[in-house]
Amino acid sequence: MNPVELKTAVGSGLLSFPVTHFDESLQFNEAAYRGHVEWLAGYDASVLFAAGGTGEFFSLSPSEIPTVIRAAKASAGKTPIISGTGYGTALAVEIAKGAEKAGADGLLLLPPYLMFAEQEGLIAHVKAVCSAVGIGVIVYNRDNAVLTADSIARLCDECPNLIGFKDGVGDVDKVIEITAKIGDRLVYVGGMPTHEVYAQAYFAAGVTTYSSAVFNFVPRLAQTFYSALRSGNQATVDQILKEFFFPFVALRNRKKGYAVSIIKAGLDVIGRDAGPVRPPLTNLTAEERALLDRIVRASNADKQAA
């Protein structure tokens, strides 16, 4: 898929990040992962991001990422697969090349490791990754990698295969500045943790798609919410927020790292075990898992998971 085609696909509907399955010894469980990606591909996600944030990119070795990408590509049917890449520039380029060789349709450039940097350094980082591959690249504004509108405009001029901007900062005024300045040169993706609770504000800013982590275990509910949002069905949006997303977020916020851990727990709740998270993340406690089970069933989200 060329960058222009990928840009169109990303903007055409709901996106999601499959978790990465591990066995009890914390090794990649390829068979279970393939089954999960195949299952998700049946629920009309426009694009799936393999080895992304929810897929524990940060806990995978560079040599594991191509294996994950090949497994996703083999199982996703016609659904495009975007790979995560990141860390320092040299490592991000190495991972990007490996993912492209493994068949990834595009890349999501996650923030660099540890260091904060000036705009010139961030521009050089993004440009190096874009220049290293022929596939489309989406840059993720988050944490220690926050590009300004002017920096993004410059990158658009210098990197033809930069196709998208994903925001995980939550400063909607800055997002509006970026979308107004750049226009349709990029596709814009919402990337806040459990983005559904922010989606209405982002829609007003011109960001009309987002990545849904809960799609992993309640894909029908995720699509119902997205469709209601796009069609202006406020009653359905409010109902799902109150019955599912608000209590879900309250549980997620109990401990650091639970934005990923709670998704794997959700799969366990519906009988589709994805295995444990890798350190330094921690799994939900038995009490927290039971509470998640009650949230899922009280909102009838479990019926959306079949």
Protein backbone atom coordinates (compact mmCIF):
# COMPACT_ATOMS: atom_id res chain seq x y z
CA MET A 1 0.00 0.00 0.00
CA ASN A 2 1.51 3.31 -1.02
CA PRO A 3 1.48 6.31 1.35
CA VAL A 4 -1.46 8.03 -0.35
CA GLU A 5 -3.58 4.87 -0.15
CA LEU A 6 -2.62 4.40 3.49
CA LYS A 7 -3.57 7.98 4.33
CA THR A 8 -7.00 7.39 2.83
CA ALA A 9 -7.41 4.13 4.76
CA VAL A 10 -6.43 5.70 8.09
CA GLY A 11 -8.99 8.47 7.67
CA SER A 12 -11.83 6.19 6.61
CA GLY A 13 -12.93 4.78 9.96
CA LEU A 14 -12.09 3.53 13.42
CA LEU A 15 -8.54 2.37 14.18
CA SER A 16 -7.18 -0.01 16.80
CA PHE A 17 -4.00 -1.37 18.39
CA PRO A 18 -4.03 -5.14 18.93
CA VAL A 19 -2.37 -6.25 22.15
CA THR A 20 0.65 -8.53 21.73
CA HIS A 21 0.07 -11.99 23.15
CA PHE A 22 2.62 -13.55 25.52
CA ASP A 23 2.70 -16.95 27.14
CA GLU A 24 3.33 -17.49 30.85
CA SER A 25 7.09 -17.32 30.26
CA LEU A 26 6.54 -13.92 28.57
CA GLN A 27 7.48 -15.19 25.11
CA PHE A 28 5.55 -14.07 22.04
CA ASN A 29 2.56 -16.38 21.53
CA GLU A 30 2.29 -16.17 17.76
CA ALA A 31 -0.61 -18.57 17.30
CA ALA A 32 -2.80 -16.74 19.81
CA TYR A 33 -1.80 -13.37 18.36
CA ARG A 34 -2.67 -14.45 14.83
CA GLY A 35 -6.08 -15.62 16.01
CA HIS A 36 -6.69 -12.29 17.75
CA VAL A 37 -5.74 -10.18 14.72
CA GLU A 38 -7.93 -12.33 12.49
CA TRP A 39 -10.84 -11.86 14.92
CA LEU A 40 -10.38 -8.10 15.07
CA ALA A 41 -10.12 -7.83 11.29
CA GLY A 42 -13.69 -9.08 11.12
CA TYR A 43 -15.00 -5.96 12.89
CA ASP A 44 -14.15 -3.41 10.21
CA ALA A 45 -11.27 -1.48 11.73
CA SER A 46 -9.85 0.70 8.97
CA VAL A 47 -6.26 0.03 10.05
CA LEU A 48 -4.63 -2.05 12.79
CA PHE A 49 -1.43 -0.90 14.50
CA ALA A 50 0.75 -3.91 15.31
CA ALA A 51 3.51 -3.58 17.92
CA GLY A 52 2.11 -0.20 18.92
CA GLY A 53 1.63 1.30 22.36
CA THR A 54 -1.18 -1.04 23.40
CA GLY A 55 0.83 -3.81 21.75
CA GLU A 56 3.68 -3.20 24.24
CA PHE A 57 6.13 -1.86 21.66
CA PHE A 58 8.32 -0.66 24.52
CA SER A 59 8.73 -4.20 25.86
CA LEU A 60 9.52 -5.84 22.52
CA SER A 61 13.06 -6.28 21.27
CA PRO A 62 13.86 -4.88 17.80
CA SER A 63 14.25 -8.46 16.53
CA GLU A 64 10.75 -9.40 17.74
CA ILE A 65 8.95 -6.57 15.94
CA PRO A 66 9.29 -7.98 12.38
CA THR A 67 7.96 -11.30 13.68
CA VAL A 68 4.92 -9.54 15.11
CA ILE A 69 4.39 -7.60 11.88
CA ARG A 70 4.61 -10.71 9.70
CA ALA A 71 2.09 -12.48 11.96
CA ALA A 72 -0.29 -9.51 11.79
CA LYS A 73 -0.01 -9.24 8.00
CA ALA A 74 -0.68 -12.95 7.60
CA SER A 75 -3.84 -12.72 9.72
CA ALA A 76 -5.41 -9.33 8.93
CA GLY A 77 -6.76 -10.07 5.48
CA LYS A 78 -7.17 -6.79 3.59
CA THR A 79 -6.84 -4.63 6.73
CA PRO A 80 -3.67 -2.51 6.51
CA ILE A 81 -1.04 -3.00 9.22
CA ILE A 82 0.98 -0.11 10.65
CA SER A 83 4.02 -0.92 12.77
CA GLY A 84 5.32 0.98 15.73
CA THR A 85 8.86 2.35 15.68
CA GLY A 86 10.74 4.59 18.08
CA TYR A 87 13.55 5.09 20.61
CA GLY A 88 16.65 7.01 19.46
CA THR A 89 16.99 7.89 15.80
CA ALA A 90 19.41 5.10 14.84
CA LEU A 91 17.26 2.45 16.49
CA ALA A 92 14.03 3.94 15.12
CA VAL A 93 15.47 3.77 11.60
CA GLU A 94 16.59 0.17 12.14
CA ILE A 95 13.15 -0.86 13.41
CA ALA A 96 11.43 1.04 10.60
CA LYS A 97 13.46 -0.74 7.93
CA GLY A 98 12.81 -4.11 9.55
CA ALA A 99 9.08 -3.46 9.74
CA GLU A 100 8.94 -2.36 6.10
CA LYS A 101 10.80 -5.51 5.05
CA ALA A 102 8.36 -7.60 7.10
CA GLY A 103 5.45 -6.15 5.10
CA ALA A 104 4.17 -3.26 7.20
CA ASP A 105 1.99 -0.84 5.23
CA GLY A 106 3.13 2.11 7.33
CA LEU A 107 4.79 3.28 10.53
CA LEU A 108 3.75 5.05 13.70
CA LEU A 109 6.72 6.98 15.06
CA LEU A 110 6.52 6.87 18.85
CA PRO A 111 8.41 9.38 21.06
CA PRO A 112 12.18 9.00 21.45
CA TYR A 113 13.54 7.31 24.55
CA LEU A 114 14.06 9.38 27.72
CA MET A 115 15.41 12.70 26.42
CA PHE A 116 13.57 15.95 25.79
CA ALA A 117 14.80 17.75 22.68
CA GLU A 118 14.44 21.02 20.81
CA GLN A 119 12.33 21.32 17.66
CA GLU A 120 15.36 21.09 15.35
CA GLY A 121 16.32 17.77 16.89
CA LEU A 122 12.78 16.39 16.68
CA ILE A 123 12.54 17.48 13.04
CA ALA A 124 15.83 15.70 12.24
CA HIS A 125 14.55 12.58 14.04
CA VAL A 126 11.29 12.41 12.09
CA LYS A 127 13.01 13.23 8.81
CA ALA A 128 15.58 10.44 9.31
CA VAL A 129 12.85 7.83 9.77
CA CYS A 130 10.79 9.09 6.83
CA SER A 131 13.88 9.13 4.60
CA ALA A 132 14.79 5.55 5.54
CA VAL A 133 11.60 3.95 4.17
CA GLY A 134 9.16 4.21 1.30
CA ILE A 135 6.02 3.49 3.31
CA GLY A 136 3.82 6.10 4.99
CA VAL A 137 4.72 7.50 8.41
CA ILE A 138 2.47 8.93 11.13
CA VAL A 139 4.16 11.04 13.80
CA TYR A 140 2.86 10.74 17.37
CA ASN A 141 2.84 13.98 19.37
CA ARG A 142 3.15 12.86 22.97
CA ASP A 143 5.28 13.15 26.10
CA ASN A 144 8.81 14.27 25.12
CA ALA A 145 8.08 14.57 21.37
CA VAL A 146 5.72 17.51 20.89
CA LEU A 147 6.11 19.17 17.50
CA THR A 148 4.79 22.65 16.81
CA ALA A 149 2.57 23.53 13.88
CA ASP A 150 5.53 25.20 12.17
CA SER A 151 7.70 22.11 12.64
CA ILE A 152 5.03 19.84 11.22
CA ALA A 153 4.58 22.16 8.24
CA ARG A 154 8.31 21.97 7.56
CA LEU A 155 8.26 18.19 7.78
CA CYS A 156 5.34 18.04 5.36
CA ASP A 157 7.44 20.01 2.87
CA GLU A 158 10.51 17.81 3.31
CA CYS A 159 8.96 14.34 3.80
CA PRO A 160 6.52 13.25 1.06
CA ASN A 161 5.72 10.02 2.90
CA LEU A 162 4.70 11.76 6.14
CA ILE A 163 0.98 11.08 5.96
CA GLY A 164 -0.39 11.59 9.44
CA PHE A 165 -0.35 13.31 12.79
CA LYS A 166 -1.52 11.61 15.96
CA ASP A 167 -2.09 13.60 19.13
CA GLY A 168 -1.67 12.22 22.63
CA VAL A 169 -1.10 15.53 24.42
CA GLY A 170 -4.69 16.68 24.81
CA ASP A 171 -4.12 20.38 24.11
CA VAL A 172 -7.03 20.89 21.72
CA ASP A 173 -6.08 24.52 20.98
CA LYS A 174 -2.73 23.32 19.60
CA VAL A 175 -4.46 20.60 17.60
CA ILE A 176 -6.74 23.21 16.02
CA GLU A 177 -3.70 25.31 15.14
CA ILE A 178 -2.09 22.30 13.44
CA THR A 179 -5.18 21.20 11.51
CA ALA A 180 -5.84 24.79 10.38
CA LYS A 181 -2.25 25.30 9.24
CA ILE A 182 -1.67 21.94 7.55
CA GLY A 183 -5.16 21.23 6.22
CA ASP A 184 -5.70 17.97 4.35
CA ARG A 185 -1.99 17.41 3.69
CA LEU A 186 -2.12 15.01 6.68
CA VAL A 187 -4.67 12.68 8.20
CA TYR A 188 -5.33 13.45 11.88
CA VAL A 189 -5.72 10.75 14.53
CA GLY A 190 -6.80 11.06 18.16
CA GLY A 191 -4.42 9.22 20.46
CA MET A 192 -5.31 9.99 24.06
CA PRO A 193 -5.55 6.97 26.41
CA THR A 194 -9.14 5.68 26.09
CA HIS A 195 -9.66 8.34 23.47
CA GLU A 196 -13.42 7.85 23.42
CA VAL A 197 -13.80 10.17 26.42
CA TYR A 198 -12.01 12.94 24.48
CA ALA A 199 -13.42 12.21 21.04
CA GLN A 200 -16.16 14.84 20.97
CA ALA A 201 -13.72 17.67 21.65
CA TYR A 202 -11.30 16.34 19.04
CA PHE A 203 -14.05 16.01 16.45
CA ALA A 204 -14.71 19.72 16.89
CA ALA A 205 -10.99 20.31 16.24
CA GLY A 206 -11.12 18.44 12.94
CA VAL A 207 -9.80 15.08 14.21
CA THR A 208 -12.48 12.67 13.05
CA THR A 209 -10.83 9.33 13.71
CA TYR A 210 -8.95 7.79 16.61
CA SER A 211 -7.37 4.60 17.85
CA SER A 212 -9.59 2.57 20.16
CA ALA A 213 -7.85 0.30 22.67
CA VAL A 214 -11.12 -1.23 23.92
CA PHE A 215 -11.76 -2.43 20.37
CA ASN A 216 -9.49 -5.30 21.44
CA PHE A 217 -12.19 -6.86 23.59
CA VAL A 218 -15.48 -5.04 22.84
CA PRO A 219 -15.15 -4.29 19.12
CA ARG A 220 -18.88 -4.00 18.49
CA LEU A 221 -19.31 -1.54 21.34
CA ALA A 222 -16.34 0.47 20.03
CA GLN A 223 -17.86 0.63 16.55
CA THR A 224 -21.32 1.47 17.93
CA PHE A 225 -19.84 4.39 19.86
CA TYR A 226 -17.83 5.59 16.87
CA SER A 227 -20.85 5.41 14.57
CA ALA A 228 -23.00 7.31 17.08
CA LEU A 229 -20.32 9.98 17.36
CA ARG A 230 -20.00 10.37 13.59
CA SER A 231 -23.76 10.52 13.08
CA GLY A 232 -24.47 12.92 15.95
CA ASN A 233 -26.46 10.40 17.98
CA GLN A 234 -25.78 12.15 21.29
CA ALA A 235 -28.10 9.94 23.34
CA THR A 236 -26.13 6.80 22.42
CA VAL A 237 -22.80 8.56 22.95
CA ASP A 238 -23.84 9.70 26.42
CA GLN A 239 -25.25 6.32 27.38
CA ILE A 240 -22.09 4.40 26.44
CA LEU A 241 -19.87 6.99 28.13
CA LYS A 242 -21.83 6.76 31.38
CA GLU A 243 -22.35 3.00 31.43
CA PHE A 244 -18.97 1.84 30.16
CA PHE A 245 -16.22 4.37 29.48
CA PHE A 246 -16.37 6.50 32.63
CA PRO A 247 -16.21 3.56 35.07
CA PHE A 248 -13.63 1.89 32.82
CA VAL A 249 -11.38 4.98 32.95
CA ALA A 250 -11.76 5.23 36.73
CA LEU A 251 -10.43 1.67 37.04
CA ARG A 252 -7.70 2.28 34.47
CA ASN A 253 -6.46 5.28 36.43
CA ARG A 254 -5.86 3.31 39.61
CA LYS A 255 -2.26 2.50 38.69
CA LYS A 256 0.36 3.61 36.21
CA GLY A 257 0.57 1.44 33.11
CA TYR A 258 -2.96 0.16 33.39
CA ALA A 259 -3.89 1.72 30.03
CA VAL A 260 -2.33 -1.41 28.54
CA SER A 261 -2.85 -3.90 31.37
CA ILE A 262 -6.59 -3.28 31.52
CA ILE A 263 -6.99 -4.17 27.84
CA LYS A 264 -5.40 -7.56 28.35
CA ALA A 265 -7.60 -8.04 31.42
CA GLY A 266 -10.63 -7.19 29.28
CA LEU A 267 -9.73 -9.94 26.85
CA ASP A 268 -9.46 -12.36 29.76
CA VAL A 269 -12.90 -11.24 30.99
CA ILE A 270 -14.53 -12.15 27.66
CA GLY A 271 -12.70 -15.49 27.44
CA ARG A 272 -10.00 -14.51 24.93
CA ASP A 273 -6.86 -14.62 27.07
CA ALA A 274 -3.89 -12.63 25.72
CA GLY A 275 -1.49 -13.63 28.48
CA PRO A 276 0.29 -11.33 30.94
CA VAL A 277 1.93 -7.98 30.31
CA ARG A 278 5.70 -7.82 30.33
CA PRO A 279 7.59 -5.90 33.01
CA PRO A 280 7.80 -3.09 33.86
CA LEU A 281 3.99 -3.18 33.49
CA THR A 282 1.93 -5.02 36.08
CA ASN A 283 -1.25 -7.02 35.66
CA LEU A 284 -4.56 -6.10 37.28
CA THR A 285 -5.20 -7.66 40.67
CA ALA A 286 -7.91 -10.30 41.06
CA GLU A 287 -10.14 -7.69 42.72
CA GLU A 288 -9.60 -5.23 39.88
CA ARG A 289 -10.24 -7.88 37.26
CA ALA A 290 -13.52 -8.76 38.99
CA LEU A 291 -14.50 -5.09 38.96
CA LEU A 292 -13.73 -4.88 35.24
CA ASP A 293 -15.88 -7.94 34.70
CA ARG A 294 -18.77 -6.17 36.47
CA ILE A 295 -18.28 -3.01 34.38
CA VAL A 296 -18.34 -5.02 31.16
CA ARG A 297 -21.45 -6.98 32.13
CA ALA A 298 -23.35 -4.07 33.72
CA SER A 299 -23.03 -2.10 30.49
CA ASN A 300 -23.89 -5.14 28.34
CA ALA A 301 -20.52 -4.64 26.67
CA ASP A 302 -19.91 -8.38 26.91
CA LYS A 303 -22.78 -8.91 24.47
CA GLN A 304 -20.96 -6.59 22.10
CA ALA A 305 -17.87 -8.80 22.25
CA ALA A 306 -19.30 -11.96 20.72
